[in-house]
Protein backbone atom coordinates (compact mmCIF):
# COMPACT_ATOMS: atom_id res chain seq x y z
CA MET A 1 0.00 0.00 0.00
CA SER A 2 1.02 3.64 -0.23
CA TRP A 3 2.74 4.15 3.11
CA PRO A 4 3.30 7.92 2.72
CA VAL A 5 -0.45 8.37 2.21
CA TRP A 6 -1.28 5.97 5.03
CA VAL A 7 0.82 7.90 7.54
CA LYS A 8 -1.32 11.00 6.94
CA VAL A 9 -4.58 9.02 7.03
CA GLU A 10 -3.58 7.34 10.28
CA GLU A 11 -2.72 10.72 11.81
CA ALA A 12 -6.23 11.97 11.00
CA LEU A 13 -7.88 8.87 12.47
CA LEU A 14 -5.91 9.15 15.69
CA GLU A 15 -6.44 12.90 15.97
CA LEU A 16 -10.22 12.50 15.84
CA ASP A 17 -10.34 9.17 17.69
CA VAL A 18 -12.01 7.36 14.80
CA LYS A 19 -11.67 3.56 14.96
CA PRO A 20 -11.92 2.14 11.42
CA ILE A 21 -12.32 -1.31 9.96
CA MET A 22 -8.89 -2.23 8.57
CA SER A 23 -9.07 -4.73 5.71
CA VAL A 24 -5.95 -6.90 5.96
CA ILE A 25 -4.84 -9.28 3.19
CA PRO A 26 -3.00 -12.18 4.88
CA ASP A 27 -0.71 -12.99 1.91
CA ASN A 28 -0.98 -10.24 -0.71
CA GLN A 29 -0.16 -11.57 -4.20
CA ASP A 30 -2.05 -8.90 -6.16
CA GLU A 31 0.56 -7.01 -8.18
CA THR A 32 -1.80 -4.04 -8.65
CA LEU A 33 -1.68 -3.43 -4.89
CA LYS A 34 2.12 -3.47 -4.67
CA VAL A 35 2.51 0.28 -5.10
CA CYS A 36 5.25 0.91 -2.53
CA GLU A 37 8.28 -0.72 -0.96
CA GLU A 38 7.43 -3.63 1.31
CA ASN A 39 7.05 -2.65 4.95
CA ASN A 40 8.95 -5.17 7.07
CA ASN A 41 7.08 -3.94 10.15
CA PHE A 42 3.65 -4.48 8.62
CA TRP A 43 2.39 -7.09 11.07
CA GLU A 44 3.63 -5.09 14.02
CA GLY A 45 1.48 -2.28 12.63
CA VAL A 46 -1.56 -4.57 12.43
CA ARG A 47 -1.04 -5.64 16.04
CA THR A 48 -0.88 -1.95 16.97
CA TRP A 49 -4.20 -1.28 15.22
CA GLN A 50 -5.69 -4.23 17.07
CA ALA A 51 -4.40 -2.93 20.42
CA ARG A 52 -6.15 0.39 19.72
CA SER A 53 -9.47 -1.50 19.38
CA TRP A 54 -9.56 -0.91 15.64
CA THR A 55 -11.55 -3.60 13.84
CA ILE A 56 -9.46 -6.07 11.84
CA GLY A 57 -11.10 -7.40 8.69
CA LEU A 58 -9.95 -10.66 7.12
CA HIS A 59 -9.66 -9.48 3.50
CA GLY A 60 -9.61 -12.78 1.69
CA TYR A 61 -6.38 -14.73 1.30
CA GLN A 62 -4.11 -13.47 -1.51
CA HIS A 63 -6.41 -10.97 -3.24
CA ARG A 64 -6.08 -12.89 -6.51
CA TYR A 65 -9.24 -12.98 -8.63
CA VAL A 66 -9.67 -16.46 -10.08
CA THR A 67 -13.34 -16.55 -11.18
CA ARG A 68 -15.78 -14.28 -13.01
CA ASP A 69 -18.63 -14.69 -10.55
CA ALA A 70 -20.32 -11.74 -8.80
CA GLY A 71 -21.54 -13.79 -5.84
CA VAL A 72 -24.44 -12.94 -3.54
CA VAL A 73 -23.78 -9.18 -3.34
CA GLY A 74 -23.49 -8.77 -7.11
CA ILE A 75 -21.29 -5.66 -7.42
CA ASN A 76 -18.28 -6.99 -9.36
CA LYS A 77 -17.98 -9.98 -11.69
CA TYR A 78 -14.64 -11.19 -10.36
CA SER A 79 -13.81 -13.10 -7.22
CA GLU A 80 -11.17 -14.84 -5.15
CA PHE A 81 -13.78 -17.18 -3.65
CA SER A 82 -17.18 -17.22 -5.36
CA CYS A 83 -17.90 -20.28 -7.54
CA LEU A 84 -15.07 -22.36 -6.06
CA SER A 85 -15.75 -25.64 -4.24
CA LEU A 86 -16.21 -25.78 -0.48
CA GLY A 87 -12.87 -27.56 -0.16
CA GLU A 88 -11.02 -24.84 -2.10
CA GLN A 89 -12.68 -22.03 -0.20
CA SER A 90 -12.16 -23.67 3.19
CA ASP A 91 -8.49 -24.22 2.37
CA LYS A 92 -8.01 -20.53 1.56
CA MET A 93 -9.86 -19.56 4.71
CA GLN A 94 -7.71 -21.87 6.83
CA ARG A 95 -4.47 -20.59 5.29
CA SER A 96 -5.58 -17.00 5.94
CA LEU A 97 -6.41 -17.65 9.57
CA GLU A 98 -3.15 -19.56 10.12
CA ILE A 99 -1.23 -16.45 9.02
CA PHE A 100 -3.30 -14.26 11.33
CA GLU A 101 -2.74 -16.67 14.23
CA ARG A 102 0.99 -16.83 13.55
CA GLU A 103 1.14 -13.03 13.66
CA GLY A 104 -0.99 -12.70 16.79
CA VAL A 105 -3.91 -11.09 14.96
CA LYS A 106 -7.61 -11.88 15.43
CA ALA A 107 -10.11 -11.53 12.58
CA ASP A 108 -13.09 -9.49 13.78
CA VAL A 109 -15.00 -9.55 10.50
CA TRP A 110 -14.90 -10.91 6.92
CA VAL A 111 -14.23 -8.46 4.08
CA ALA A 112 -14.40 -10.16 0.68
CA PRO A 113 -12.04 -9.00 -2.11
CA GLY A 114 -14.15 -7.43 -4.85
CA HIS A 115 -17.26 -7.78 -2.64
CA SER A 116 -17.66 -11.21 -4.20
CA PHE A 117 -18.49 -14.37 -2.26
CA ASP A 118 -21.24 -16.97 -2.46
CA GLU A 119 -23.32 -19.27 -0.27
CA THR A 120 -20.42 -21.73 -0.15
CA THR A 121 -18.21 -18.98 1.27
CA LEU A 122 -20.76 -18.46 4.04
CA ILE A 123 -20.50 -22.15 4.95
CA ALA A 124 -16.70 -21.93 5.00
CA LEU A 125 -16.84 -18.77 7.14
CA ARG A 126 -19.14 -20.37 9.71
CA SER A 127 -16.93 -23.47 9.85
CA ALA A 128 -13.94 -21.20 10.49
CA GLY A 129 -15.81 -19.46 13.31
CA ILE A 130 -16.29 -16.12 11.52
CA LYS A 131 -19.82 -14.82 12.04
CA ARG A 132 -19.56 -11.17 10.99
CA ILE A 133 -19.48 -9.81 7.44
CA SER A 134 -18.73 -6.26 6.28
CA ASP A 135 -20.67 -6.19 3.01
CA GLY A 136 -24.10 -5.99 1.46
CA LEU A 137 -26.12 -3.00 0.29
CA PHE A 138 -28.80 -3.05 2.97
CA PRO A 139 -29.66 0.13 4.93
CA TYR A 140 -29.20 -1.58 8.31
CA PRO A 141 -27.24 -4.54 9.73
CA HIS A 142 -29.07 -7.80 10.25
CA VAL A 143 -28.50 -11.37 11.47
CA ASP A 144 -29.20 -14.05 8.86
CA ALA A 145 -30.82 -17.44 9.48
CA SER A 146 -27.45 -19.02 10.33
CA GLY A 147 -26.60 -16.41 12.96
CA VAL A 148 -24.12 -14.38 10.86
CA LEU A 149 -24.26 -10.59 11.36
CA TRP A 150 -24.10 -8.56 8.15
CA VAL A 151 -22.92 -4.96 8.58
CA PRO A 152 -23.62 -3.35 5.17
CA GLN A 153 -21.07 -1.46 3.06
CA GLN A 154 -22.74 0.81 0.52
CA LEU A 155 -20.66 4.00 0.05
CA TRP A 156 -17.28 5.05 -1.34
CA LYS A 157 -17.29 8.62 -0.09
CA PHE A 158 -18.80 10.69 2.71
CA ARG A 159 -22.24 12.10 1.98
CA ILE A 160 -25.51 12.96 3.71
CA MET A 161 -27.72 9.87 3.83
CA PRO A 162 -31.14 8.98 5.27
CA PRO A 163 -31.35 7.05 8.57
CA GLY A 164 -29.37 3.82 8.48
CA VAL A 165 -25.90 2.37 9.05
CA TRP A 166 -23.63 3.44 6.21
CA THR A 167 -20.10 2.11 5.79
CA ILE A 168 -17.65 3.99 3.58
CA CYS A 169 -14.97 2.08 1.67
CA CYS A 170 -11.76 4.09 1.14
CA HIS A 171 -9.03 2.83 -1.17
CA ILE A 172 -6.15 5.18 -0.40
CA ASN A 173 -3.32 4.08 -2.70
CA ARG A 174 -3.89 6.78 -5.31
CA TRP A 175 -4.85 9.58 -2.97
CA THR A 176 -3.30 12.98 -3.44
CA ALA A 177 -2.62 15.64 -0.80
CA ARG A 178 -6.00 17.10 -1.72
CA ASP A 179 -7.74 13.77 -1.13
CA ILE A 180 -6.11 13.44 2.28
CA GLN A 181 -7.20 16.95 3.24
CA LYS A 182 -10.78 16.24 2.14
CA PHE A 183 -10.75 13.01 4.17
CA ARG A 184 -9.67 14.93 7.27
CA LEU A 185 -12.39 17.53 6.72
CA ASP A 186 -15.02 14.83 6.18
CA LEU A 187 -14.02 13.11 9.41
CA ARG A 188 -14.56 16.36 11.27
CA ARG A 189 -17.85 17.04 9.50
CA PHE A 190 -19.31 13.61 10.28
CA GLN A 191 -17.49 12.92 13.53
CA GLN A 192 -20.62 12.85 15.70
CA SER A 193 -22.18 10.21 13.42
CA ILE A 194 -19.23 7.82 13.32
CA ALA A 195 -19.62 4.68 15.43
CA ASN A 196 -17.23 1.94 16.45
CA PHE A 197 -17.82 -1.47 14.90
CA SER A 198 -18.36 -2.95 18.37
CA ASP A 199 -21.21 -0.48 18.96
CA ILE A 200 -22.89 -1.59 15.74
CA VAL A 201 -22.50 -5.27 16.66
CA ALA A 202 -24.09 -4.69 20.06
CA ALA A 203 -26.95 -2.58 18.70
CA TYR A 204 -27.96 -4.93 15.87
CA ALA A 205 -27.05 -8.36 17.26
CA ASN A 206 -30.68 -9.51 17.16
CA ARG A 207 -32.14 -7.58 14.23
CA GLN A 208 -33.68 -9.68 11.46
CA LYS A 209 -33.68 -8.67 7.81
CA THR A 210 -36.88 -7.08 6.46
CA ARG A 211 -38.45 -6.85 3.01
CA PHE A 212 -37.43 -3.21 2.89
CA ASP A 213 -33.77 -4.24 3.36
CA ASP A 214 -33.95 -6.46 0.29
CA PHE A 215 -35.85 -3.84 -1.72
CA TYR A 216 -33.30 -1.14 -0.88
CA ALA A 217 -30.36 -3.47 -1.66
CA ARG A 218 -31.74 -4.19 -5.15
CA LEU A 219 -32.30 -0.47 -5.75
CA HIS A 220 -28.79 0.42 -4.58
CA LEU A 221 -27.19 -2.32 -6.69
CA SER A 222 -29.02 -1.06 -9.76
CA ALA A 223 -27.67 2.45 -9.11
CA LEU A 224 -24.12 1.12 -8.64
CA ARG A 225 -24.24 -0.80 -11.90
CA ARG A 226 -25.39 2.29 -13.77
CA SER A 227 -22.51 4.32 -12.33
CA ARG A 228 -19.98 1.47 -12.65
CA PHE A 229 -18.94 2.25 -9.09
CA GLY A 230 -17.10 -0.63 -7.47
CA PHE A 231 -13.44 -1.06 -6.48
CA VAL A 232 -11.11 -2.71 -4.01
CA PRO A 233 -11.70 -1.84 -0.36
CA MET A 234 -8.74 -1.12 1.87
CA LEU A 235 -10.10 1.07 4.64
CA ARG A 236 -13.67 1.24 5.90
CA LYS A 237 -15.45 3.54 8.31
CA ALA A 238 -18.77 2.70 9.91
CA ILE A 239 -21.19 5.62 9.74
CA TRP A 240 -24.12 5.34 12.07
CA GLY A 241 -27.04 7.61 11.08
């Protein structure tokens, strides 16, 4: 990742006491994400984020897209997991968690590369003991029939929204000084509406999905497809309206 940009972003988060969801790739093999020199202290940094009570997202395994399937969310037609067998997906999940365990990191939530995963992924996640997902275009979090909590992720920039829980995905690698300044200003502007992931989990631990959730998700997906708006998540902020 772009470490010079990240240093400035991290400063803003700490200054305003915002605790983000950090999407961590256990074994990054995506050449498009290798935009800077390797940081030999990376895992020490992840452990520091964890010690600050920042939420650590398990962001797939190697971030290598191997299928052309959009999965259950339907945003992008490429995936590291969707359409693979249960054995293949479980193996990737296990390898990811072994790296986290080796590095002393706990996965708080699943963040799928490309927003793409399928029903088989959900089985693999449950078997691995992961019961929280940061994805979906619903207006509010909900618990599905298998007991997995879905915290939706619908936005890629700060904006005024109707009541709901809105998560913003920020991919910082190409940010300029102007982008960083706008990010800092947006944090200040929306600071009173920003919640910690743990607060969201506690508040919506028993909420069931409604017909309106599904209706809104279909509407939002249609809008995203028209705008061709979908890209790799690296940093997410939970916005609680």
